[in-house]
Structure formats: structure tokens, C-alpha cells
Amino acid sequence: VLTQFEQAGILLRHHFETGKAVYELNTGGHHDHIVCVKCGRVTEFHNDEIEALQDKIADQNGYRIVDHALYMYGVCNDCQDKIKR
């Protein structure tokens, strides 16, 4: 059923380095993701400066961006606190 929803454009599927597929509703707005490598928490964010820089880099190299995905990996605050204990 998830695949059918993805094909219909209702869901978006992401393949993070955790090895698991993660689905989210396709709300039409663009955002990027930062993923905790310890617990798998995914935080969505949007940053106009990052978007502008990507456009500038594409333009400098003769490209027009039609799609992109930015996934950043780190350790979330909760997991950092657990490591400190």
C-alpha cells in the first residue's frame, strides 16, 4: 500500500543511511533532513541560505536544478547527553 501511495504522489520515500525507508506525507513544500546516527531521529528543516547557495553553485556550473535532496548525519542532543553520562 505504501508503494501505491508513493506512486500516486501522496507519500515521499527517503532512504537514509540507517538502512530503513522512511515515508512522509507529500505536502508539496521543500525541506531537508538531519538524521541522528545513534537513534535514527529525523529532523526536518528549511534554510533559505542553503537553498540560495545550491542555486548559485548550480548556476556557476551551468546547471538548472530540477530536484535535490540534502541529508545531514550527526548525533542528536538526547544521544549526546546519553554518551556524556
N, C-alpha and C. Protein backbone atom coordinates (compact mmCIF):
# COMPACT_ATOMS: atom_id res chain seq x y z
N VAL A 1 0.83 -1.19 0.00
CA VAL A 1 0.00 0.00 0.00
C VAL A 1 0.88 1.26 0.00
N LEU A 2 1.98 1.26 0.76
CA LEU A 2 2.85 2.42 0.79
C LEU A 2 3.41 2.74 -0.59
N THR A 3 3.78 1.72 -1.33
CA THR A 3 4.30 1.91 -2.68
C THR A 3 3.25 2.55 -3.58
N GLN A 4 2.01 2.13 -3.43
CA GLN A 4 0.93 2.72 -4.23
C GLN A 4 0.73 4.19 -3.88
N PHE A 5 0.79 4.51 -2.59
CA PHE A 5 0.68 5.91 -2.17
C PHE A 5 1.85 6.73 -2.69
N GLU A 6 3.03 6.13 -2.72
CA GLU A 6 4.21 6.82 -3.25
C GLU A 6 4.03 7.08 -4.75
N GLN A 7 3.59 6.08 -5.49
CA GLN A 7 3.39 6.22 -6.94
C GLN A 7 2.31 7.25 -7.26
N ALA A 8 1.34 7.39 -6.35
CA ALA A 8 0.27 8.36 -6.56
C ALA A 8 0.69 9.77 -6.13
N GLY A 9 1.88 9.90 -5.54
CA GLY A 9 2.37 11.21 -5.12
C GLY A 9 1.88 11.65 -3.76
N ILE A 10 1.23 10.75 -3.03
CA ILE A 10 0.70 11.07 -1.70
C ILE A 10 1.82 11.03 -0.65
N LEU A 11 2.73 10.06 -0.80
CA LEU A 11 3.85 9.90 0.12
C LEU A 11 5.17 10.10 -0.60
N LEU A 12 6.18 10.50 0.16
CA LEU A 12 7.56 10.55 -0.32
C LEU A 12 8.36 9.52 0.47
N ARG A 13 9.24 8.81 -0.23
CA ARG A 13 10.09 7.81 0.44
C ARG A 13 11.52 8.33 0.47
N HIS A 14 12.15 8.21 1.63
CA HIS A 14 13.54 8.60 1.80
C HIS A 14 14.33 7.36 2.23
N HIS A 15 15.55 7.25 1.73
CA HIS A 15 16.44 6.16 2.12
C HIS A 15 17.64 6.77 2.84
N PHE A 16 17.55 6.82 4.15
CA PHE A 16 18.65 7.36 4.94
C PHE A 16 19.68 6.27 5.17
N GLU A 17 20.85 6.65 5.66
CA GLU A 17 21.95 5.71 5.89
C GLU A 17 21.64 4.68 6.97
N THR A 18 20.49 4.82 7.64
CA THR A 18 20.10 3.86 8.67
C THR A 18 19.69 2.53 8.06
N GLY A 19 19.52 2.49 6.73
CA GLY A 19 19.14 1.26 6.05
C GLY A 19 17.64 1.03 6.00
N LYS A 20 16.86 1.96 6.57
CA LYS A 20 15.41 1.83 6.57
C LYS A 20 14.80 2.89 5.67
N ALA A 21 13.72 2.53 4.99
CA ALA A 21 12.97 3.51 4.22
C ALA A 21 12.06 4.27 5.18
N VAL A 22 12.00 5.58 5.01
CA VAL A 22 11.14 6.42 5.83
C VAL A 22 10.17 7.13 4.90
N TYR A 23 8.89 7.09 5.25
CA TYR A 23 7.87 7.72 4.43
C TYR A 23 7.33 8.96 5.13
N GLU A 24 6.98 9.98 4.33
CA GLU A 24 6.33 11.16 4.88
C GLU A 24 5.29 11.64 3.88
N LEU A 25 4.29 12.36 4.38
CA LEU A 25 3.26 12.92 3.51
C LEU A 25 3.88 13.94 2.57
N ASN A 26 3.45 13.92 1.32
CA ASN A 26 3.91 14.88 0.34
C ASN A 26 3.03 16.12 0.45
N THR A 27 3.52 17.12 1.19
CA THR A 27 2.76 18.35 1.39
C THR A 27 3.09 19.39 0.32
N GLY A 28 4.03 19.07 -0.57
CA GLY A 28 4.36 19.97 -1.66
C GLY A 28 5.46 20.96 -1.34
N GLY A 29 5.76 21.18 -0.07
CA GLY A 29 6.82 22.10 0.30
C GLY A 29 8.15 21.39 0.40
N HIS A 30 9.23 22.12 0.05
CA HIS A 30 10.55 21.51 0.11
C HIS A 30 11.17 21.69 1.50
N HIS A 31 11.83 20.66 1.98
CA HIS A 31 12.61 20.73 3.20
C HIS A 31 13.72 19.70 3.12
N ASP A 32 14.71 19.84 3.99
CA ASP A 32 15.82 18.91 4.05
C ASP A 32 15.77 18.16 5.37
N HIS A 33 16.73 17.25 5.58
CA HIS A 33 16.69 16.38 6.76
C HIS A 33 18.05 16.27 7.42
N ILE A 34 18.02 16.18 8.77
CA ILE A 34 19.21 15.83 9.53
C ILE A 34 18.84 14.60 10.36
N VAL A 35 19.69 13.57 10.30
CA VAL A 35 19.38 12.26 10.87
C VAL A 35 20.39 11.92 11.95
N CYS A 36 19.89 11.47 13.11
CA CYS A 36 20.78 11.02 14.19
C CYS A 36 21.28 9.61 13.87
N VAL A 37 22.60 9.45 13.87
CA VAL A 37 23.19 8.14 13.53
C VAL A 37 23.11 7.16 14.70
N LYS A 38 22.72 7.64 15.88
CA LYS A 38 22.58 6.76 17.05
C LYS A 38 21.17 6.20 17.18
N CYS A 39 20.17 7.09 17.20
CA CYS A 39 18.79 6.65 17.46
C CYS A 39 17.89 6.68 16.23
N GLY A 40 18.35 7.32 15.14
CA GLY A 40 17.55 7.36 13.92
C GLY A 40 16.56 8.51 13.85
N ARG A 41 16.54 9.39 14.84
CA ARG A 41 15.63 10.53 14.81
C ARG A 41 15.88 11.34 13.55
N VAL A 42 14.80 11.77 12.91
CA VAL A 42 14.89 12.59 11.70
C VAL A 42 14.28 13.96 12.00
N THR A 43 15.05 15.02 11.77
CA THR A 43 14.56 16.37 11.96
C THR A 43 14.50 17.05 10.60
N GLU A 44 13.35 17.61 10.28
CA GLU A 44 13.16 18.32 9.02
C GLU A 44 13.50 19.80 9.23
N PHE A 45 14.11 20.41 8.21
CA PHE A 45 14.41 21.84 8.30
C PHE A 45 14.40 22.45 6.91
N HIS A 46 14.26 23.76 6.87
CA HIS A 46 14.37 24.52 5.63
C HIS A 46 15.27 25.71 5.93
N ASN A 47 16.21 25.99 5.02
CA ASN A 47 17.14 27.10 5.21
C ASN A 47 17.31 27.82 3.88
N ASP A 48 16.85 29.06 3.84
CA ASP A 48 16.92 29.84 2.59
C ASP A 48 18.36 30.06 2.13
N GLU A 49 19.30 30.20 3.05
CA GLU A 49 20.70 30.41 2.67
C GLU A 49 21.27 29.18 1.96
N ILE A 50 20.94 27.99 2.47
CA ILE A 50 21.40 26.74 1.82
C ILE A 50 20.79 26.63 0.43
N GLU A 51 19.50 26.93 0.32
CA GLU A 51 18.83 26.84 -0.99
C GLU A 51 19.46 27.81 -1.98
N ALA A 52 19.74 29.03 -1.54
CA ALA A 52 20.35 30.03 -2.43
C ALA A 52 21.75 29.60 -2.85
N LEU A 53 22.52 29.04 -1.92
CA LEU A 53 23.87 28.59 -2.24
C LEU A 53 23.84 27.45 -3.25
N GLN A 54 22.90 26.52 -3.12
CA GLN A 54 22.78 25.43 -4.08
C GLN A 54 22.46 25.96 -5.47
N ASP A 55 21.56 26.93 -5.53
CA ASP A 55 21.22 27.55 -6.82
C ASP A 55 22.44 28.25 -7.42
N LYS A 56 23.20 28.95 -6.59
CA LYS A 56 24.40 29.66 -7.06
C LYS A 56 25.44 28.67 -7.60
N ILE A 57 25.66 27.58 -6.88
CA ILE A 57 26.63 26.56 -7.32
C ILE A 57 26.18 25.94 -8.64
N ALA A 58 24.90 25.63 -8.74
CA ALA A 58 24.38 25.06 -10.00
C ALA A 58 24.58 26.04 -11.14
N ASP A 59 24.25 27.31 -10.92
CA ASP A 59 24.40 28.33 -11.95
C ASP A 59 25.85 28.49 -12.38
N GLN A 60 26.77 28.50 -11.42
CA GLN A 60 28.19 28.65 -11.72
C GLN A 60 28.71 27.49 -12.57
N ASN A 61 28.06 26.36 -12.47
CA ASN A 61 28.48 25.18 -13.21
C ASN A 61 27.60 24.90 -14.42
N GLY A 62 26.72 25.86 -14.75
CA GLY A 62 25.90 25.72 -15.94
C GLY A 62 24.71 24.79 -15.80
N TYR A 63 24.22 24.61 -14.59
CA TYR A 63 23.08 23.72 -14.35
C TYR A 63 21.86 24.52 -13.91
N ARG A 64 20.71 23.91 -14.13
CA ARG A 64 19.45 24.38 -13.56
C ARG A 64 18.93 23.23 -12.71
N ILE A 65 18.80 23.43 -11.44
CA ILE A 65 18.35 22.36 -10.53
C ILE A 65 16.89 22.05 -10.81
N VAL A 66 16.59 20.76 -10.98
CA VAL A 66 15.21 20.31 -11.13
C VAL A 66 14.73 19.56 -9.89
N ASP A 67 15.68 19.06 -9.11
CA ASP A 67 15.34 18.36 -7.87
C ASP A 67 16.62 18.17 -7.08
N HIS A 68 16.50 18.05 -5.78
CA HIS A 68 17.66 17.72 -4.95
C HIS A 68 17.18 17.22 -3.60
N ALA A 69 18.09 16.56 -2.89
CA ALA A 69 17.82 16.10 -1.54
C ALA A 69 19.08 16.31 -0.71
N LEU A 70 18.92 16.91 0.45
CA LEU A 70 20.04 17.12 1.36
C LEU A 70 19.77 16.33 2.63
N TYR A 71 20.64 15.40 2.93
CA TYR A 71 20.58 14.62 4.17
C TYR A 71 21.86 14.87 4.92
N MET A 72 21.75 15.34 6.15
CA MET A 72 22.92 15.52 7.01
C MET A 72 22.82 14.50 8.14
N TYR A 73 23.97 14.02 8.58
CA TYR A 73 24.02 12.99 9.62
C TYR A 73 24.83 13.49 10.79
N GLY A 74 24.33 13.25 11.99
CA GLY A 74 25.01 13.68 13.20
C GLY A 74 24.48 12.91 14.40
N VAL A 75 24.74 13.44 15.58
CA VAL A 75 24.26 12.84 16.83
C VAL A 75 23.37 13.88 17.51
N CYS A 76 22.12 13.53 17.78
CA CYS A 76 21.16 14.47 18.38
C CYS A 76 21.52 14.78 19.83
N ASN A 77 20.90 15.82 20.36
CA ASN A 77 21.17 16.25 21.74
C ASN A 77 20.91 15.15 22.75
N ASP A 78 19.80 14.42 22.59
CA ASP A 78 19.47 13.35 23.54
C ASP A 78 20.56 12.30 23.57
N CYS A 79 21.02 11.88 22.40
CA CYS A 79 22.08 10.85 22.33
C CYS A 79 23.41 11.39 22.84
N GLN A 80 23.69 12.69 22.60
CA GLN A 80 24.91 13.29 23.13
C GLN A 80 24.88 13.27 24.65
N ASP A 81 23.70 13.55 25.25
CA ASP A 81 23.56 13.53 26.70
C ASP A 81 23.78 12.13 27.25
N LYS A 82 23.27 11.11 26.55
CA LYS A 82 23.46 9.72 27.00
C LYS A 82 24.93 9.32 26.95
N ILE A 83 25.65 9.81 25.94
CA ILE A 83 27.07 9.49 25.81
C ILE A 83 27.86 10.11 26.95
N LYS A 84 27.48 11.34 27.37
CA LYS A 84 28.19 12.05 28.43
C LYS A 84 28.04 11.39 29.79
N ARG A 85 26.93 10.68 29.99
CA ARG A 85 26.67 10.04 31.32
C ARG A 85 27.55 8.88 31.56
